[in-house]
Amino acid sequence: MQSPCYNATTARCVRFCEPIETCIYSDQKNHSPAAETHCATQSWRLLLCRLHPFPERGRTSARCEVSGMAAMFTCCLGCCGDAGSGHIPLKEMPTVQLDTHHMGTDVVIVKSGRRICGTGGCLANAPLHQNKSYFEFKIQSTGVWGIGVATQKVNLNQVPLGRDINSLVLRHDGSIYHNNEEKNKLPANSIPQEGDIVGVTYDHVELNLYLNGKNMHCPASGIRGTVYPVVYVDDSAILDCQFSDFYHTAPHGFEKILFEQQIF
């Protein structure tokens, strides 16, 4: 049952709030402490209930106005959380993880989308829409592997990646490839080994790499279009992806990957 917008002057319900996102009773001097507010989770809009003059009858009445601003809360004044009230819970944002719909045919994804083994590549399920993204990979077992960014046009059955315009990757030997061209190379004493954490930043211009939290000062660029985190393995390599709860603090200005709904 819906809760009413309460009219303090007439002491009766004058109108029911439509179940939108959140109902906030914004009072004027005639607002009654007993006035109820209705909170529901059906839309991303915010319902603001205000008292306005009602000139024809010389009294105040409640009028509901729909604002186009996005809702900042899922409940108001403790009126949420009743399973029997008919409230519709907000849809939870999906978790950023490896995408089993975009992987090579011989790839195996385990640990809730965080570990890759087998042979081939896999994209993450979230594109890098935000200005500055950060994510990490842990080398669980050495072999042939690569990490970086790629478009959805990349051939995930062909390793190593970096052979065409659709991927920009750090390979296991420390070289960074894009379009079959070596764009940069890690120092000889900084080749990632088993147990190491490789951090990746991307700002839509450059890809930069961090080894166990240390900046390698080894930028690479050239890829265009909408890109996703990518990882590939072969020859018994096993890598874990870390898209949140990082081993090392993200560099200044960079943050975990956000879905588009979280950005806007």
Protein backbone atom coordinates (compact mmCIF):
# COMPACT_ATOMS: atom_id res chain seq x y z
CA MET A 1 0.00 0.00 0.00
CA GLN A 2 1.33 3.45 -0.90
CA SER A 3 2.00 6.03 1.76
CA PRO A 4 0.25 9.37 1.25
CA CYS A 5 1.49 12.90 0.94
CA TYR A 6 -0.03 14.28 4.14
CA ASN A 7 -1.70 17.69 4.20
CA ALA A 8 -1.17 19.25 7.61
CA THR A 9 -3.97 21.84 7.12
CA THR A 10 -6.76 19.47 6.15
CA ALA A 11 -5.41 16.53 8.15
CA ARG A 12 -6.10 14.14 5.31
CA CYS A 13 -4.41 12.57 2.34
CA VAL A 14 -4.67 14.76 -0.72
CA ARG A 15 -2.67 12.67 -3.16
CA PHE A 16 -0.64 9.52 -3.38
CA CYS A 17 2.95 9.75 -4.45
CA GLU A 18 3.70 7.64 -7.50
CA PRO A 19 6.32 5.01 -6.65
CA ILE A 20 9.39 6.55 -8.18
CA GLU A 21 12.86 6.51 -6.60
CA THR A 22 12.67 8.46 -3.38
CA CYS A 23 10.02 10.75 -1.92
CA ILE A 24 11.34 13.65 0.14
CA TYR A 25 8.80 15.75 2.02
CA SER A 26 10.19 19.28 1.71
CA ASP A 27 8.12 21.31 4.13
CA GLN A 28 7.14 24.90 4.61
CA LYS A 29 5.83 26.41 7.86
CA ASN A 30 2.67 24.27 7.82
CA HIS A 31 4.50 20.96 7.65
CA SER A 32 3.37 18.47 10.27
CA PRO A 33 5.89 16.19 11.98
CA ALA A 34 3.41 13.39 11.44
CA ALA A 35 3.57 13.78 7.68
CA GLU A 36 4.63 10.56 6.02
CA THR A 37 6.88 10.18 3.04
CA HIS A 38 6.80 7.41 0.53
CA CYS A 39 9.92 5.73 -0.71
CA ALA A 40 10.04 3.22 -3.54
CA THR A 41 12.62 2.00 -5.96
CA GLN A 42 11.04 1.83 -9.36
CA SER A 43 12.82 4.61 -11.25
CA TRP A 44 16.03 6.63 -11.20
CA ARG A 45 14.10 9.87 -10.89
CA LEU A 46 13.59 11.78 -7.69
CA LEU A 47 10.11 12.70 -6.49
CA LEU A 48 10.00 15.90 -4.51
CA CYS A 49 6.80 16.57 -2.56
CA ARG A 50 6.29 20.21 -1.63
CA LEU A 51 3.39 22.15 -0.14
CA HIS A 52 1.97 24.76 -2.51
CA PRO A 53 -0.89 27.27 -2.16
CA PHE A 54 -4.32 26.15 -3.24
CA PRO A 55 -5.95 29.54 -4.04
CA GLU A 56 -9.41 28.31 -4.94
CA ARG A 57 -10.09 27.01 -1.41
CA GLY A 58 -7.69 29.16 0.59
CA ARG A 59 -5.70 26.26 1.96
CA THR A 60 -2.55 24.39 1.22
CA SER A 61 -2.31 21.10 -0.56
CA ALA A 62 0.49 18.75 -1.47
CA ARG A 63 1.74 18.70 -4.99
CA CYS A 64 4.19 16.16 -6.30
CA GLU A 65 6.77 17.26 -8.80
CA VAL A 66 9.06 14.97 -10.74
CA SER A 67 12.63 16.13 -11.02
CA GLY A 68 14.96 14.85 -13.73
CA MET A 69 17.93 14.73 -11.39
CA ALA A 70 19.31 11.30 -10.56
CA ALA A 71 18.41 9.84 -7.20
CA MET A 72 21.12 9.89 -4.59
CA PHE A 73 19.38 7.70 -2.04
CA THR A 74 17.42 4.46 -2.05
CA CYS A 75 15.33 5.32 0.95
CA CYS A 76 14.29 8.29 3.08
CA LEU A 77 13.46 8.69 6.75
CA GLY A 78 13.83 4.95 7.37
CA CYS A 79 10.85 3.94 5.26
CA CYS A 80 12.71 1.33 3.19
CA GLY A 81 13.63 -2.27 3.75
CA ASP A 82 10.22 -3.80 4.38
CA ALA A 83 10.04 -6.89 2.20
CA GLY A 84 6.27 -6.83 2.36
CA SER A 85 5.85 -3.20 1.35
CA GLY A 86 6.13 -3.79 -2.38
CA HIS A 87 9.39 -1.89 -2.73
CA ILE A 88 11.43 -2.79 -5.79
CA PRO A 89 15.13 -3.07 -4.90
CA LEU A 90 17.71 -1.26 -6.99
CA LYS A 91 19.55 -3.46 -9.45
CA GLU A 92 23.07 -4.08 -8.25
CA MET A 93 25.93 -3.10 -10.52
CA PRO A 94 27.67 -6.12 -12.06
CA THR A 95 31.17 -7.03 -10.94
CA VAL A 96 34.07 -6.27 -13.26
CA GLN A 97 35.59 -9.63 -14.19
CA LEU A 98 36.78 -11.65 -17.15
CA ASP A 99 34.05 -12.10 -19.73
CA THR A 100 33.37 -15.71 -20.73
CA HIS A 101 31.44 -14.39 -23.75
CA HIS A 102 34.61 -12.80 -25.11
CA MET A 103 37.39 -15.36 -24.76
CA GLY A 104 39.35 -17.84 -26.85
CA THR A 105 37.95 -21.30 -27.42
CA ASP A 106 40.68 -23.00 -25.35
CA VAL A 107 40.63 -20.54 -22.46
CA VAL A 108 39.53 -21.59 -18.97
CA ILE A 109 38.18 -18.96 -16.57
CA VAL A 110 37.85 -19.83 -12.87
CA LYS A 111 37.70 -18.15 -9.45
CA SER A 112 34.55 -16.15 -10.25
CA GLY A 113 36.01 -14.62 -13.39
CA ARG A 114 39.35 -13.64 -11.88
CA ARG A 115 41.75 -16.39 -13.02
CA ILE A 116 42.71 -17.36 -16.55
CA CYS A 117 44.50 -20.50 -17.71
CA GLY A 118 44.55 -22.68 -20.81
CA THR A 119 45.46 -21.14 -24.16
CA GLY A 120 44.17 -17.88 -25.63
CA GLY A 121 42.93 -14.47 -24.55
CA CYS A 122 39.98 -12.98 -22.73
CA LEU A 123 38.50 -9.50 -22.39
CA ALA A 124 37.05 -8.03 -19.23
CA ASN A 125 33.31 -7.36 -19.19
CA ALA A 126 33.63 -3.58 -18.77
CA PRO A 127 35.00 -1.09 -21.32
CA LEU A 128 37.31 1.69 -20.18
CA HIS A 129 34.90 4.61 -20.44
CA GLN A 130 36.33 6.73 -17.64
CA ASN A 131 39.28 9.07 -18.14
CA LYS A 132 41.77 7.21 -15.95
CA SER A 133 41.51 3.50 -15.19
CA TYR A 134 43.68 1.18 -13.13
CA PHE A 135 43.74 -2.61 -12.80
CA GLU A 136 46.21 -5.31 -11.80
CA PHE A 137 47.36 -8.81 -12.72
CA LYS A 138 49.21 -11.30 -10.55
CA ILE A 139 51.52 -13.82 -12.19
CA GLN A 140 50.52 -17.06 -10.50
CA SER A 141 52.49 -19.31 -12.83
CA THR A 142 54.97 -18.29 -15.52
CA GLY A 143 54.83 -19.24 -19.17
CA VAL A 144 53.63 -17.29 -22.19
CA TRP A 145 51.31 -14.46 -21.19
CA GLY A 146 50.33 -10.88 -22.00
CA ILE A 147 48.25 -8.09 -20.48
CA GLY A 148 46.97 -4.73 -21.67
CA VAL A 149 43.98 -3.36 -23.55
CA ALA A 150 42.14 -4.43 -26.69
CA THR A 151 39.01 -3.76 -28.71
CA GLN A 152 36.29 -6.35 -29.19
CA LYS A 153 37.61 -6.96 -32.71
CA VAL A 154 40.74 -8.65 -31.37
CA ASN A 155 41.31 -12.31 -32.26
CA LEU A 156 41.43 -13.99 -28.84
CA ASN A 157 42.48 -17.35 -30.30
CA GLN A 158 45.72 -15.96 -31.68
CA VAL A 159 48.55 -15.49 -29.18
CA PRO A 160 50.60 -13.51 -28.58
CA LEU A 161 48.39 -10.46 -28.95
CA GLY A 162 49.77 -7.14 -30.17
CA ARG A 163 49.95 -8.29 -33.78
CA ASP A 164 47.36 -5.87 -35.12
CA ILE A 165 45.66 -2.53 -34.42
CA ASN A 166 43.16 -4.14 -32.02
CA SER A 167 45.46 -4.77 -29.06
CA LEU A 168 48.20 -3.06 -27.06
CA VAL A 169 49.87 -5.48 -24.66
CA LEU A 170 52.83 -6.15 -22.42
CA ARG A 171 54.24 -9.56 -23.28
CA HIS A 172 55.93 -11.92 -20.83
CA ASP A 173 59.40 -10.97 -22.13
CA GLY A 174 58.88 -7.31 -21.15
CA SER A 175 58.15 -5.96 -24.63
CA ILE A 176 55.03 -3.88 -25.37
CA TYR A 177 53.47 -4.53 -28.75
CA HIS A 178 50.81 -2.86 -30.88
CA ASN A 179 50.11 -3.52 -34.56
CA ASN A 180 53.08 -5.92 -34.67
CA GLU A 181 55.44 -3.16 -33.62
CA GLU A 182 57.44 -2.96 -30.40
CA LYS A 183 56.33 0.27 -28.74
CA ASN A 184 58.49 0.05 -25.63
CA LYS A 185 60.26 -2.44 -23.39
CA LEU A 186 60.66 -2.90 -19.65
CA PRO A 187 64.17 -2.66 -18.19
CA ALA A 188 66.02 -5.98 -18.31
CA ASN A 189 66.01 -6.23 -14.50
CA SER A 190 62.25 -5.61 -14.28
CA ILE A 191 60.76 -8.52 -16.20
CA PRO A 192 57.74 -9.77 -14.19
CA GLN A 193 58.28 -13.10 -12.47
CA GLU A 194 56.03 -15.57 -10.68
CA GLY A 195 54.29 -13.88 -7.75
CA ASP A 196 54.76 -10.36 -9.11
CA ILE A 197 51.93 -7.84 -9.40
CA VAL A 198 51.70 -5.87 -12.64
CA GLY A 199 49.57 -2.74 -12.51
CA VAL A 200 48.16 -1.12 -15.64
CA THR A 201 46.95 2.46 -16.07
CA TYR A 202 45.16 3.74 -19.15
CA ASP A 203 44.02 7.30 -19.85
CA HIS A 204 42.84 6.95 -23.49
CA VAL A 205 46.23 8.16 -24.67
CA GLU A 206 48.89 6.12 -22.92
CA LEU A 207 49.16 2.76 -21.27
CA ASN A 208 51.63 2.68 -18.37
CA LEU A 209 52.91 -0.21 -16.29
CA TYR A 210 53.73 -0.68 -12.61
CA LEU A 211 55.71 -3.60 -11.22
CA ASN A 212 54.89 -4.36 -7.58
CA GLY A 213 53.71 -0.77 -7.16
CA LYS A 214 56.72 0.85 -8.85
CA ASN A 215 56.25 2.96 -11.98
CA MET A 216 58.25 1.44 -14.84
CA HIS A 217 58.17 4.73 -16.82
CA CYS A 218 57.48 2.70 -19.91
CA PRO A 219 54.52 4.32 -21.73
CA ALA A 220 52.97 2.97 -24.90
CA SER A 221 50.19 4.25 -27.12
CA GLY A 222 48.59 3.87 -30.53
CA ILE A 223 45.38 1.92 -29.99
CA ARG A 224 42.10 3.63 -30.89
CA GLY A 225 38.44 3.08 -30.15
CA THR A 226 36.64 1.54 -27.20
CA VAL A 227 39.01 -0.76 -25.36
CA TYR A 228 38.73 -3.38 -22.62
CA PRO A 229 41.31 -4.91 -20.30
CA VAL A 230 42.74 -8.00 -21.96
CA VAL A 231 44.88 -10.93 -20.83
CA TYR A 232 46.16 -13.99 -22.65
CA VAL A 233 48.02 -17.13 -21.56
CA ASP A 234 49.78 -20.12 -23.06
CA ASP A 235 52.42 -22.69 -22.13
CA SER A 236 51.01 -23.31 -18.61
CA ALA A 237 50.85 -19.65 -17.59
CA ILE A 238 48.21 -18.73 -15.00
CA LEU A 239 47.26 -15.14 -14.20
CA ASP A 240 44.84 -13.60 -11.72
CA CYS A 241 43.04 -10.35 -12.49
CA GLN A 242 42.44 -7.74 -9.82
CA PHE A 243 39.82 -5.14 -10.76
CA SER A 244 39.21 -3.94 -7.19
CA ASP A 245 40.75 -4.40 -3.73
CA PHE A 246 44.16 -3.80 -5.26
CA TYR A 247 47.44 -5.12 -3.92
CA HIS A 248 48.94 -1.64 -4.41
CA THR A 249 47.42 1.82 -4.22
CA ALA A 250 46.30 3.12 -7.61
CA PRO A 251 48.44 5.98 -8.94
CA HIS A 252 47.16 9.48 -8.24
CA GLY A 253 44.08 10.33 -10.31
CA PHE A 254 43.45 6.73 -11.39
CA GLU A 255 40.76 4.45 -10.01
CA LYS A 256 39.15 1.09 -10.50
CA ILE A 257 37.11 0.43 -13.61
CA LEU A 258 33.59 1.80 -13.43
CA PHE A 259 30.60 0.74 -15.46
CA GLU A 260 29.01 3.53 -17.50
CA GLN A 261 26.01 3.72 -15.14
CA GLN A 262 28.37 4.40 -12.22
CA ILE A 263 30.15 7.20 -14.07
CA PHE A 264 27.01 9.14 -14.97
